[in-house]
Each structure stands twice: as structure tokens, then as C-alpha cells.
């Protein structure tokens, strides 16, 4: 049986379905649908040179890779390649072929430092180290049983704070963009990011098919979004895409208030499980998520390799 690597064809439904299925099998803690796969590709900023590769064996997609240039980083020459192979289709050379193709393409685009997320499992870590990557930071996936668990009770917002949803900003999402840009710039990570392109944000984030605006809760102070918890959904599952607070409003518990409200909305809407993620060193946020009832279900390690 021969494994080949090629680009995803966004106009072929079977490609999007195979890509999404592979991601869900290899990484069940992250939400994915065929629609989100196509949107991520077609809505990417041109400067990101974003690509989705598939490893195919006898017509069946068994592995995927998402590659991009970190164009939003002030430091040039950085990129990422996240590779996932179906757990029942490993040891066929798909991962190595995907990685080699990704590295060749990104090197041709001027990438000299390559980052990759790798599940913290012996075979996965050995694969990364065998290909010259070194470990850096790590992160947890956390799961919450929305159907059977017990959420903390809802709290009334403090004086001067109003809880709204992202749907309330449909006519003018710019305040949401400004809050997102500020919180993203303060998020820990290997690659610094700066959101400066409003039109690109609209296309990539605001119009994302997984974004559930009705379940995304926004804490508003004096008419300005001060904190939010962004909800993604796919069928019965709910995922927190981002929770954050503008610098001027931190220390008041607004992000916690927004996330609790969003989770209650999700459970009332019939969602049965929720996922989120945290850097392993972010003890305050891990403690908050455990307060909600989340439990750690997996761990990823961020690996880096110098190209060339």
C-alpha cells in the first residue's frame, strides 16, 4: 500500500470530511467539522500561506497537516506545522511524509524556526525527537461533563456590568475585535501575535462556522466589551475558543463570570460536553477551570526545530 501526500481540495466534500474525521480521531479534544476545515483554508490571510495537506492511502485520508507562516508575529521567519495521523493508521510513513513536505514548503517561504504541537504520548514524542525537534512549553486539554456534572451557580453581574452575547454585536463587531486583539497579544506562547487587520479577523474569526455567537458571553462595562468567553460548537460538543479580559478591567472576576454564564447557556441549549485548554504553567486559569468542574484529559507539548 502506497501513501501519498497532496493538498486538500476545498471543493471536494470527501476531502473535507476525511480531514475532519482524521482530526477528530487523532485529537478528540478539539472541535472540527468539514465546514470549519474548508473555512480555515479559504479564509486564511494570504500572508499566512496557510496550507492543509492530507496523507492518503489507497484513496483514504489517514493523516493531515496544517502549515502556516506566522505573519502576525513581529519576529519574521517563524512558522508552524501540526501533523496528526489516525491512531489506527500509524507506522505507515504518513507522518514522516507529511512533515517532510511541510518543511520543504515552509523553508521555501523563508521559515527558519518551525513549531509543532505534539500529543504527550511516547510514540508521538519519539517521532518529534527523532526528527530533530526539541521540547519547549506544554498545555493541557480539559473536559467538562455538561450533561452529568454540576456547574457553579450563576451569579448576578456586579453593579455597572452587563452580560450580553456576541450576537448583540452583529451590526458592529469592531468592539469584539478590539477586545480579542488585546487579549491575544497578552496570551502566553512561543510566537507573539498581533491582530491588526480587522477585515482578516472578520473573515477568519467572526465568520468562523464553529463560532456560536448566542453562547459567546460578553461582559460589558459602560457600553464597552470588557471580558468575554468565546464559544465554538459542533453538534453536541462545546469548546472555549478564548476567554479573556481587557487590561483595564482585570482583577474583577469578569472573565470567570462570562465563562460561567456561557457554560450555563450551553447546557440549557443541550450541549453535553465542553472542552478547553490551558498552558500547564497557567495555574490560576487551571484552578478556575477545575472550579467549573473541568478535568485534565490530555496533554500536548510544543516542539521547535531550526530549519536549514
Protein backbone atom coordinates (compact mmCIF):
# COMPACT_ATOMS: atom_id res chain seq x y z
CA UNK A 1 0.00 0.00 0.00
CA UNK A 2 1.38 3.39 -1.04
CA UNK A 3 0.97 6.60 0.96
CA UNK A 4 0.94 9.88 -0.95
CA UNK A 5 0.75 13.47 0.31
CA UNK A 6 -1.17 16.17 -1.51
CA UNK A 7 -3.04 19.41 -0.86
CA UNK A 8 -6.58 19.31 0.43
CA UNK A 9 -9.12 20.12 -2.27
CA UNK A 10 -11.58 22.52 -0.62
CA UNK A 11 -14.19 22.00 -3.35
CA UNK A 12 -14.27 18.22 -2.80
CA UNK A 13 -16.59 17.32 0.08
CA UNK A 14 -14.89 13.95 0.66
CA UNK A 15 -11.58 15.71 1.30
CA UNK A 16 -13.05 17.99 3.96
CA UNK A 17 -14.87 15.07 5.57
CA UNK A 18 -11.74 12.91 5.59
CA UNK A 19 -9.62 15.71 7.03
CA UNK A 20 -12.15 16.45 9.78
CA UNK A 21 -12.62 12.76 10.61
CA UNK A 22 -8.88 12.24 10.93
CA UNK A 23 -8.51 15.26 13.20
CA UNK A 24 -11.35 14.10 15.45
CA UNK A 25 -9.90 10.59 15.74
CA UNK A 26 -6.37 11.80 16.44
CA UNK A 27 -7.34 14.80 18.57
CA UNK A 28 -10.84 14.28 20.01
CA UNK A 29 -10.45 17.23 22.37
CA UNK A 30 -10.67 19.81 19.57
CA UNK A 31 -13.78 20.60 17.55
CA UNK A 32 -13.74 20.06 13.80
CA UNK A 33 -16.30 19.86 11.02
CA UNK A 34 -15.92 19.68 7.24
CA UNK A 35 -17.22 23.25 7.09
CA UNK A 36 -14.62 24.51 9.56
CA UNK A 37 -11.86 22.72 7.64
CA UNK A 38 -12.78 24.48 4.39
CA UNK A 39 -13.32 27.84 6.09
CA UNK A 40 -9.93 27.73 7.79
CA UNK A 41 -8.28 27.18 4.42
CA UNK A 42 -10.25 29.56 2.24
CA UNK A 43 -10.49 32.31 4.86
CA UNK A 44 -6.80 32.41 5.77
CA UNK A 45 -4.82 35.60 5.29
CA UNK A 46 -2.66 35.43 2.13
CA UNK A 47 0.47 36.30 4.13
CA UNK A 48 -0.02 33.18 6.26
CA UNK A 49 0.50 30.92 3.22
CA UNK A 50 -1.80 28.56 5.09
CA UNK A 51 -1.97 25.05 3.75
CA UNK A 52 -3.76 21.84 4.59
CA UNK A 53 -2.05 18.64 3.49
CA UNK A 54 -3.50 15.15 3.52
CA UNK A 55 -1.77 11.78 3.56
CA UNK A 56 -3.76 9.34 1.51
CA UNK A 57 -3.52 5.55 1.38
CA UNK A 58 -5.45 3.79 -1.35
CA UNK A 59 -7.86 6.70 -1.62
CA UNK A 60 -8.42 7.02 2.15
CA UNK A 61 -7.21 10.06 4.12
CA UNK A 62 -5.20 8.77 7.07
CA UNK A 63 -3.16 11.82 8.07
CA UNK A 64 -3.35 15.61 7.99
CA UNK A 65 -1.07 18.61 8.37
CA UNK A 66 -1.84 22.29 8.85
CA UNK A 67 1.04 24.56 7.92
CA UNK A 68 1.43 28.32 8.06
CA UNK A 69 3.80 31.26 8.28
CA UNK A 70 3.45 33.31 11.50
CA UNK A 71 2.70 36.52 9.60
CA UNK A 72 1.09 38.18 12.65
CA UNK A 73 4.30 37.84 14.66
CA UNK A 74 6.69 40.80 14.82
CA UNK A 75 9.54 38.29 14.50
CA UNK A 76 9.97 37.07 10.90
CA UNK A 77 10.94 33.56 9.81
CA UNK A 78 8.62 31.58 12.10
CA UNK A 79 6.04 29.02 11.10
CA UNK A 80 4.08 26.02 12.28
CA UNK A 81 3.24 22.51 11.12
CA UNK A 82 0.77 20.48 13.14
CA UNK A 83 0.55 16.86 12.00
CA UNK A 84 -1.97 14.24 13.03
CA UNK A 85 -2.32 10.66 11.84
CA UNK A 86 -5.27 8.40 12.55
CA UNK A 87 -4.40 6.22 15.57
CA UNK A 88 -5.36 3.08 13.59
CA UNK A 89 -3.17 4.06 10.61
CA UNK A 90 0.19 4.77 12.22
CA UNK A 91 3.56 3.26 11.23
CA UNK A 92 2.84 3.58 7.53
CA UNK A 93 5.15 6.55 6.93
CA UNK A 94 2.34 9.10 6.69
CA UNK A 95 3.66 11.33 9.48
CA UNK A 96 7.20 11.46 8.11
CA UNK A 97 5.99 12.20 4.59
CA UNK A 98 3.68 14.96 5.82
CA UNK A 99 6.47 16.51 7.88
CA UNK A 100 8.98 16.42 5.05
CA UNK A 101 6.52 18.02 2.65
CA UNK A 102 5.61 20.69 5.21
CA UNK A 103 9.23 21.54 5.98
CA UNK A 104 10.17 21.84 2.31
CA UNK A 105 7.24 24.13 1.60
CA UNK A 106 7.76 26.36 4.64
CA UNK A 107 11.52 26.59 4.12
CA UNK A 108 10.79 27.85 0.62
CA UNK A 109 8.69 30.60 2.19
CA UNK A 110 11.54 31.76 4.42
CA UNK A 111 10.60 29.91 7.61
CA UNK A 112 13.67 29.15 9.72
CA UNK A 113 12.06 28.23 13.04
CA UNK A 114 9.31 25.63 12.94
CA UNK A 115 6.87 24.98 15.78
CA UNK A 116 4.64 21.91 16.19
CA UNK A 117 2.18 20.69 18.79
CA UNK A 118 2.66 17.01 19.70
CA UNK A 119 0.43 14.86 21.91
CA UNK A 120 2.24 13.82 25.08
CA UNK A 121 2.31 10.12 24.24
CA UNK A 122 5.51 8.02 23.91
CA UNK A 123 5.26 7.31 20.17
CA UNK A 124 4.39 10.92 19.31
CA UNK A 125 7.19 12.40 21.41
CA UNK A 126 9.69 9.92 20.00
CA UNK A 127 8.62 10.88 16.45
CA UNK A 128 9.25 14.57 17.13
CA UNK A 129 12.64 14.00 18.75
CA UNK A 130 13.69 11.58 16.03
CA UNK A 131 13.09 14.35 13.50
CA UNK A 132 15.24 16.86 15.34
CA UNK A 133 12.64 18.76 17.35
CA UNK A 134 13.21 19.87 20.95
CA UNK A 135 10.51 20.32 23.55
CA UNK A 136 9.51 23.72 24.89
CA UNK A 137 6.29 24.54 26.73
CA UNK A 138 3.24 22.32 27.16
CA UNK A 139 -0.52 22.60 27.52
CA UNK A 140 -3.46 20.63 28.86
CA UNK A 141 -6.74 19.70 27.27
CA UNK A 142 -9.58 19.73 29.79
CA UNK A 143 -13.05 18.21 29.56
CA UNK A 144 -16.25 19.06 31.39
CA UNK A 145 -19.28 16.76 31.57
CA UNK A 146 -22.03 19.28 30.90
CA UNK A 147 -24.79 16.69 30.95
CA UNK A 148 -23.88 14.96 34.22
CA UNK A 149 -21.69 17.46 36.02
CA UNK A 150 -22.62 20.29 38.35
CA UNK A 151 -21.77 23.83 37.34
CA UNK A 152 -21.25 26.58 39.92
CA UNK A 153 -24.47 28.57 40.33
CA UNK A 154 -25.00 31.58 38.13
CA UNK A 155 -24.14 34.93 39.69
CA UNK A 156 -25.67 38.32 39.08
CA UNK A 157 -23.17 40.71 37.49
CA UNK A 158 -21.82 43.44 39.76
CA UNK A 159 -23.12 47.00 39.51
CA UNK A 160 -22.20 48.63 36.22
CA UNK A 161 -21.61 45.30 34.43
CA UNK A 162 -24.00 43.83 31.88
CA UNK A 163 -23.84 40.32 30.44
CA UNK A 164 -24.58 40.21 26.72
CA UNK A 165 -23.79 37.85 23.85
CA UNK A 166 -21.68 38.24 20.73
CA UNK A 167 -24.92 38.18 18.73
CA UNK A 168 -25.67 41.62 20.19
CA UNK A 169 -22.64 42.96 18.27
CA UNK A 170 -23.69 41.58 14.88
CA UNK A 171 -24.21 45.06 13.40
CA UNK A 172 -20.79 46.31 14.53
CA UNK A 173 -18.30 43.62 15.65
CA UNK A 174 -15.36 46.03 15.87
CA UNK A 175 -15.55 46.28 19.70
CA UNK A 176 -15.24 42.49 19.80
CA UNK A 177 -12.22 42.65 17.50
CA UNK A 178 -10.54 45.22 19.76
CA UNK A 179 -11.07 43.07 22.86
CA UNK A 180 -9.87 39.94 21.04
CA UNK A 181 -6.77 41.74 19.76
CA UNK A 182 -5.83 42.94 23.25
CA UNK A 183 -6.30 39.57 24.93
CA UNK A 184 -4.46 37.65 22.18
CA UNK A 185 -1.44 39.95 22.45
CA UNK A 186 -1.16 39.06 26.16
CA UNK A 187 -1.64 35.32 25.73
CA UNK A 188 1.42 33.20 26.59
CA UNK A 189 3.07 31.41 23.70
CA UNK A 190 6.20 30.76 21.69
CA UNK A 191 5.08 33.02 18.85
CA UNK A 192 3.90 36.53 19.63
CA UNK A 193 0.76 37.53 17.76
CA UNK A 194 -0.73 40.91 16.94
CA UNK A 195 -4.21 41.34 15.48
CA UNK A 196 -4.12 44.47 13.34
CA UNK A 197 -6.22 43.54 10.29
CA UNK A 198 -9.90 43.97 11.08
CA UNK A 199 -11.13 42.64 7.74
CA UNK A 200 -9.00 39.49 8.11
CA UNK A 201 -10.34 39.00 11.65
CA UNK A 202 -13.90 39.28 10.36
CA UNK A 203 -13.26 36.60 7.77
CA UNK A 204 -11.26 34.21 9.94
CA UNK A 205 -12.87 34.62 13.36
CA UNK A 206 -16.22 36.37 13.22
CA UNK A 207 -17.47 34.30 10.27
CA UNK A 208 -15.99 31.03 11.53
CA UNK A 209 -18.59 28.25 11.15
CA UNK A 210 -17.86 26.90 14.66
CA UNK A 211 -18.43 30.28 16.34
CA UNK A 212 -21.65 30.28 18.33
CA UNK A 213 -22.47 33.94 18.91
CA UNK A 214 -25.53 33.18 21.05
CA UNK A 215 -23.41 31.16 23.51
CA UNK A 216 -20.46 33.59 23.49
CA UNK A 217 -20.91 35.72 26.60
CA UNK A 218 -19.56 39.28 26.78
CA UNK A 219 -19.23 41.30 30.00
CA UNK A 220 -19.90 44.92 29.07
CA UNK A 221 -18.89 47.93 31.17
CA UNK A 222 -20.10 51.41 30.13
CA UNK A 223 -21.01 50.07 26.72
CA UNK A 224 -17.56 48.59 26.11
CA UNK A 225 -16.82 44.85 25.98
CA UNK A 226 -14.54 44.27 28.96
CA UNK A 227 -14.32 40.45 29.05
CA UNK A 228 -15.60 37.53 27.06
CA UNK A 229 -15.77 33.78 26.74
CA UNK A 230 -15.88 32.72 23.10
CA UNK A 231 -17.91 29.57 22.37
CA UNK A 232 -17.39 27.15 19.50
CA UNK A 233 -19.85 24.31 18.92
CA UNK A 234 -20.20 21.29 16.63
CA UNK A 235 -23.30 19.27 17.21
CA UNK A 236 -23.36 18.15 20.86
CA UNK A 237 -19.92 19.47 21.82
CA UNK A 238 -18.93 22.90 23.10
CA UNK A 239 -15.42 24.34 23.14
CA UNK A 240 -13.99 27.50 24.64
CA UNK A 241 -12.00 29.22 21.90
CA UNK A 242 -10.86 32.13 24.07
CA UNK A 243 -11.55 33.63 27.48
CA UNK A 244 -10.00 36.95 28.38
CA UNK A 245 -10.33 40.39 29.90
CA UNK A 246 -9.17 43.80 28.72
CA UNK A 247 -6.24 45.07 30.79
CA UNK A 248 -8.20 47.93 32.37
CA UNK A 249 -10.78 45.55 33.83
CA UNK A 250 -8.65 42.70 35.13
CA UNK A 251 -8.86 41.50 38.72
CA UNK A 252 -12.64 41.88 38.92
CA UNK A 253 -13.63 38.30 38.04
CA UNK A 254 -15.32 39.31 34.78
CA UNK A 255 -13.86 36.52 32.63
CA UNK A 256 -14.95 33.93 35.19
CA UNK A 257 -18.43 35.50 35.26
CA UNK A 258 -18.65 35.40 31.45
CA UNK A 259 -17.45 31.82 31.17
CA UNK A 260 -19.88 30.58 33.80
CA UNK A 261 -22.75 32.28 32.01
CA UNK A 262 -21.68 30.78 28.67
CA UNK A 263 -21.45 27.27 30.13
CA UNK A 264 -24.92 27.56 31.65
CA UNK A 265 -26.27 28.73 28.29
CA UNK A 266 -24.59 25.78 26.58
CA UNK A 267 -26.04 23.22 28.97
CA UNK A 268 -29.51 24.74 28.63
CA UNK A 269 -29.14 24.52 24.84
CA UNK A 270 -28.49 20.76 25.08
CA UNK A 271 -24.70 20.55 24.76
CA UNK A 272 -23.39 17.54 26.66
CA UNK A 273 -19.63 18.07 26.97
CA UNK A 274 -17.26 21.02 26.95
CA UNK A 275 -13.56 21.30 26.16
CA UNK A 276 -10.96 23.93 26.86
CA UNK A 277 -7.18 24.22 27.07
CA UNK A 278 -4.55 25.82 29.30
CA UNK A 279 -0.79 26.17 29.37
CA UNK A 280 0.50 23.79 32.04
CA UNK A 281 2.09 26.73 33.87
CA UNK A 282 -1.09 28.79 33.97
CA UNK A 283 -2.09 27.63 37.44
CA UNK A 284 -4.66 30.40 38.10
CA UNK A 285 -6.67 29.54 34.97
CA UNK A 286 -6.33 25.80 35.59
CA UNK A 287 -7.71 26.34 39.09
CA UNK A 288 -10.65 28.33 37.69
CA UNK A 289 -11.45 25.62 35.16
CA UNK A 290 -11.31 22.95 37.86
CA UNK A 291 -13.73 25.12 39.85
CA UNK A 292 -16.10 24.84 36.90
CA UNK A 293 -15.68 21.06 37.00
CA UNK A 294 -13.21 20.54 34.16
CA UNK A 295 -10.79 17.62 34.40
CA UNK A 296 -7.47 17.26 32.56
CA UNK A 297 -7.91 14.69 29.81
CA UNK A 298 -4.73 15.02 27.71
CA UNK A 299 -1.52 17.00 27.30
CA UNK A 300 0.32 18.45 24.31
CA UNK A 301 3.95 19.51 24.08
CA UNK A 302 5.13 22.37 21.88
CA UNK A 303 8.19 21.34 19.91
CA UNK A 304 10.55 23.56 17.90
CA UNK A 305 13.14 22.91 15.22
CA UNK A 306 15.52 25.16 13.35
CA UNK A 307 15.26 24.69 9.58
CA UNK A 308 18.23 24.99 7.26
